Amino acid sequence: MSIKSAIRCGLRLLIAVILTSIMATAQESGSPSSLGTFIGQVINFLILFGGLAYLLKKPVVDYLKHKSEQIAELIRKSEEFKNASARKLADIERRASHLDEEINRMKAEAAEEALKEKERIKMEAQQEAARLKKLAAEEIDSMVRASLQELKAYTIELSVALTEEKIRQKLGPELHRKMIKKAINDLKAFYESSIAN
């Protein structure tokens, strides 16, 4: 409904109310003087309100036009806000749907990394265990060789000591002299053969 049609409707309603009240008053009083007074009042009323309507028409129309423009602007802004909100909501929903995918992807990557790290740690532990075994074997080998060397040296010492003891027991002063003579004769023969050559 436009502003002009609203004003026309209001004026028609006002005229209908005035005419109805005139008729009601005329029937009540029944005298021509009161009817004349009433008609004068009605004419004054019409002039007053007609003048007011004439004077206020432009400001009221401007005011109503301004208000309708404001309301239209508010409706337009609310539509824009509604559309922007719908776009934001759709963007958030899109991100949320991708968020689940992103979380699942990150979980899969983390599980894969954990598995790789576990394998790497296991391999390093095996390598370290093998290295320690090798070092222990080398250390044991070295200790066994050293012990064998000590044992050989001790055996030789003991053997020499036992042999010396046996020789001392068997070798008396007479045998000792014979051995020395034989050694001297052997040296003499060696010396003579080396001079002859």
Protein backbone atom coordinates (compact mmCIF):
# COMPACT_ATOMS: atom_id res chain seq x y z
CA MET A 1 0.00 0.00 0.00
CA SER A 2 1.47 3.35 -1.03
CA ILE A 3 1.57 6.48 1.11
CA LYS A 4 -0.98 8.31 -1.05
CA SER A 5 -3.51 5.51 -0.84
CA ALA A 6 -3.00 5.36 2.94
CA ILE A 7 -3.69 9.10 3.23
CA ARG A 8 -6.78 8.84 1.01
CA CYS A 9 -8.10 5.96 3.07
CA GLY A 10 -7.50 7.95 6.27
CA LEU A 11 -9.33 11.00 4.88
CA ARG A 12 -12.31 8.89 3.77
CA LEU A 13 -12.49 7.33 7.20
CA LEU A 14 -12.34 10.78 8.83
CA ILE A 15 -15.12 12.13 6.60
CA ALA A 16 -17.25 9.06 7.31
CA VAL A 17 -16.79 9.55 11.07
CA ILE A 18 -17.66 13.25 10.82
CA LEU A 19 -20.78 12.65 8.73
CA THR A 20 -21.91 9.91 11.06
CA SER A 21 -21.49 12.14 14.08
CA ILE A 22 -23.31 15.01 12.29
CA MET A 23 -26.30 12.84 11.57
CA ALA A 24 -26.36 11.47 15.06
CA THR A 25 -26.26 14.95 16.56
CA ALA A 26 -28.94 16.27 14.20
CA GLN A 27 -31.31 13.49 15.08
CA GLU A 28 -30.79 14.01 18.78
CA SER A 29 -31.30 17.70 18.96
CA GLY A 30 -33.79 18.11 16.15
CA SER A 31 -33.42 21.92 16.26
CA PRO A 32 -32.10 23.88 13.31
CA SER A 33 -29.89 26.14 15.43
CA SER A 34 -27.98 23.30 16.92
CA LEU A 35 -27.68 21.81 13.45
CA GLY A 36 -26.23 25.06 12.16
CA THR A 37 -23.80 25.20 15.04
CA PHE A 38 -22.80 21.67 14.43
CA ILE A 39 -22.33 22.25 10.69
CA GLY A 40 -20.19 25.28 11.52
CA GLN A 41 -18.10 23.18 13.82
CA VAL A 42 -17.76 20.53 11.16
CA ILE A 43 -16.73 23.11 8.59
CA ASN A 44 -14.20 24.56 11.04
CA PHE A 45 -13.00 21.04 11.71
CA LEU A 46 -12.66 20.30 8.00
CA ILE A 47 -10.85 23.57 7.36
CA LEU A 48 -8.54 23.02 10.31
CA PHE A 49 -7.74 19.44 9.47
CA GLY A 50 -7.74 20.09 5.72
CA GLY A 51 -5.24 22.92 6.26
CA LEU A 52 -3.19 20.75 8.58
CA ALA A 53 -3.30 17.92 6.06
CA TYR A 54 -2.28 20.33 3.30
CA LEU A 55 0.57 21.80 5.37
CA LEU A 56 1.73 18.48 6.82
CA LYS A 57 1.31 16.44 3.65
CA LYS A 58 4.81 17.14 2.26
CA PRO A 59 6.70 16.64 5.59
CA VAL A 60 4.65 13.53 6.41
CA VAL A 61 5.14 12.15 2.90
CA ASP A 62 8.88 12.95 3.08
CA TYR A 63 9.10 11.40 6.53
CA LEU A 64 7.24 8.27 5.46
CA LYS A 65 9.30 8.08 2.26
CA HIS A 66 12.50 8.46 4.31
CA LYS A 67 11.32 5.80 6.77
CA SER A 68 10.40 3.41 3.96
CA GLU A 69 13.84 3.98 2.40
CA GLN A 70 15.45 3.30 5.78
CA ILE A 71 13.40 0.14 6.17
CA ALA A 72 14.28 -0.93 2.62
CA GLU A 73 17.97 -0.25 3.38
CA LEU A 74 17.72 -2.25 6.61
CA ILE A 75 16.06 -5.10 4.73
CA ARG A 76 18.78 -4.94 2.06
CA LYS A 77 21.53 -4.90 4.71
CA SER A 78 19.91 -7.75 6.60
CA GLU A 79 19.73 -9.72 3.32
CA GLU A 80 23.41 -9.01 2.70
CA PHE A 81 24.23 -10.01 6.27
CA LYS A 82 22.12 -13.14 5.90
CA ASN A 83 23.89 -14.03 2.64
CA ALA A 84 27.32 -13.30 4.15
CA SER A 85 26.42 -15.41 7.18
CA ALA A 86 25.26 -18.23 4.93
CA ARG A 87 28.55 -18.04 2.98
CA LYS A 88 30.54 -18.05 6.23
CA LEU A 89 28.51 -20.98 7.53
CA ALA A 90 29.07 -22.90 4.30
CA ASP A 91 32.80 -22.11 4.48
CA ILE A 92 32.94 -23.25 8.11
CA GLU A 93 31.03 -26.45 7.27
CA ARG A 94 33.37 -27.07 4.33
CA ARG A 95 36.38 -26.55 6.59
CA ALA A 96 34.84 -28.76 9.26
CA SER A 97 34.29 -31.56 6.75
CA HIS A 98 37.87 -31.17 5.57
CA LEU A 99 38.99 -30.94 9.20
CA ASP A 100 37.96 -34.56 9.76
CA GLU A 101 39.93 -35.55 6.67
CA GLU A 102 42.90 -33.48 7.85
CA ILE A 103 42.76 -35.05 11.32
CA ASN A 104 42.61 -38.55 9.81
CA ARG A 105 45.52 -37.71 7.48
CA MET A 106 47.58 -36.35 10.39
CA LYS A 107 46.78 -39.45 12.48
CA ALA A 108 47.86 -41.71 9.61
CA GLU A 109 51.08 -39.73 9.15
CA ALA A 110 51.78 -39.86 12.90
CA ALA A 111 51.18 -43.63 12.97
CA GLU A 112 53.46 -44.09 9.95
CA GLU A 113 56.15 -41.93 11.55
CA ALA A 114 55.83 -43.85 14.82
CA LEU A 115 56.22 -47.15 12.95
CA LYS A 116 59.28 -45.85 11.08
CA GLU A 117 60.76 -44.56 14.35
CA LYS A 118 60.07 -47.92 16.03
CA GLU A 119 61.80 -49.76 13.17
CA ARG A 120 64.75 -47.33 13.28
CA ILE A 121 65.13 -47.76 17.06
CA LYS A 122 64.85 -51.54 16.70
CA MET A 123 67.51 -51.57 13.97
CA GLU A 124 69.81 -49.33 16.02
CA ALA A 125 69.29 -51.57 19.06
CA GLN A 126 70.16 -54.66 16.99
CA GLN A 127 73.25 -52.95 15.59
CA GLU A 128 74.30 -51.85 19.08
CA ALA A 129 73.72 -55.37 20.43
CA ALA A 130 75.80 -56.85 17.59
CA ARG A 131 78.54 -54.29 18.22
CA LEU A 132 78.54 -55.07 21.95
CA LYS A 133 78.62 -58.83 21.22
CA LYS A 134 81.57 -58.31 18.89
CA LEU A 135 83.37 -56.17 21.47
CA ALA A 136 82.67 -58.75 24.19
CA ALA A 137 83.91 -61.57 21.93
CA GLU A 138 87.05 -59.59 21.08
CA GLU A 139 87.62 -58.82 24.78
CA ILE A 140 87.11 -62.48 25.70
CA ASP A 141 89.44 -63.51 22.85
CA SER A 142 92.05 -61.05 24.04
CA MET A 143 91.72 -62.27 27.62
CA VAL A 144 91.97 -65.91 26.48
CA ARG A 145 95.12 -65.14 24.44
CA ALA A 146 96.65 -63.25 27.36
CA SER A 147 95.76 -66.11 29.71
CA LEU A 148 97.24 -68.63 27.26
CA GLN A 149 100.43 -66.56 27.00
CA GLU A 150 100.65 -66.40 30.79
CA LEU A 151 99.96 -70.12 31.00
CA LYS A 152 102.63 -70.88 28.37
CA ALA A 153 105.14 -68.67 30.16
CA TYR A 154 104.31 -70.30 33.47
CA THR A 155 104.51 -73.75 31.88
CA ILE A 156 107.89 -72.95 30.34
CA GLU A 157 109.17 -71.56 33.63
CA LEU A 158 107.89 -74.55 35.51
CA SER A 159 109.32 -76.89 32.89
CA VAL A 160 112.71 -75.20 33.03
CA ALA A 161 112.68 -75.26 36.82
CA LEU A 162 111.73 -78.94 36.87
CA THR A 163 114.36 -79.76 34.24
CA GLU A 164 117.01 -77.87 36.18
CA GLU A 165 116.02 -79.71 39.31
CA LYS A 166 116.22 -83.08 37.51
CA ILE A 167 119.53 -82.18 35.95
CA ARG A 168 120.92 -81.12 39.31
CA GLN A 169 119.78 -84.35 40.82
CA LYS A 170 121.25 -86.48 37.99
CA LEU A 171 124.29 -84.42 37.38
CA GLY A 172 126.95 -85.07 39.88
CA PRO A 173 130.43 -83.44 39.92
CA GLU A 174 131.90 -86.21 37.74
CA LEU A 175 129.23 -85.96 35.04
CA HIS A 176 129.58 -82.22 35.19
CA ARG A 177 133.32 -82.44 34.44
CA LYS A 178 132.71 -84.85 31.56
CA MET A 179 130.14 -82.55 30.02
CA ILE A 180 132.43 -79.56 30.30
CA LYS A 181 135.28 -81.55 28.72
CA LYS A 182 133.04 -82.70 25.91
CA ALA A 183 131.83 -79.12 25.31
CA ILE A 184 135.43 -77.90 25.23
CA ASN A 185 136.44 -80.69 22.81
CA ASP A 186 133.45 -79.88 20.58
CA LEU A 187 134.42 -76.22 20.54
CA LYS A 188 138.03 -77.12 19.77
CA ALA A 189 136.97 -79.37 16.88
CA PHE A 190 134.68 -76.67 15.55
CA TYR A 191 137.48 -74.12 15.77
CA GLU A 192 139.95 -76.34 13.97
CA SER A 193 137.47 -77.21 11.23
CA SER A 194 136.66 -73.56 10.70
CA ILE A 195 140.38 -72.69 10.38
CA ALA A 196 140.96 -75.50 7.89
CA ASN A 197 138.23 -74.28 5.61
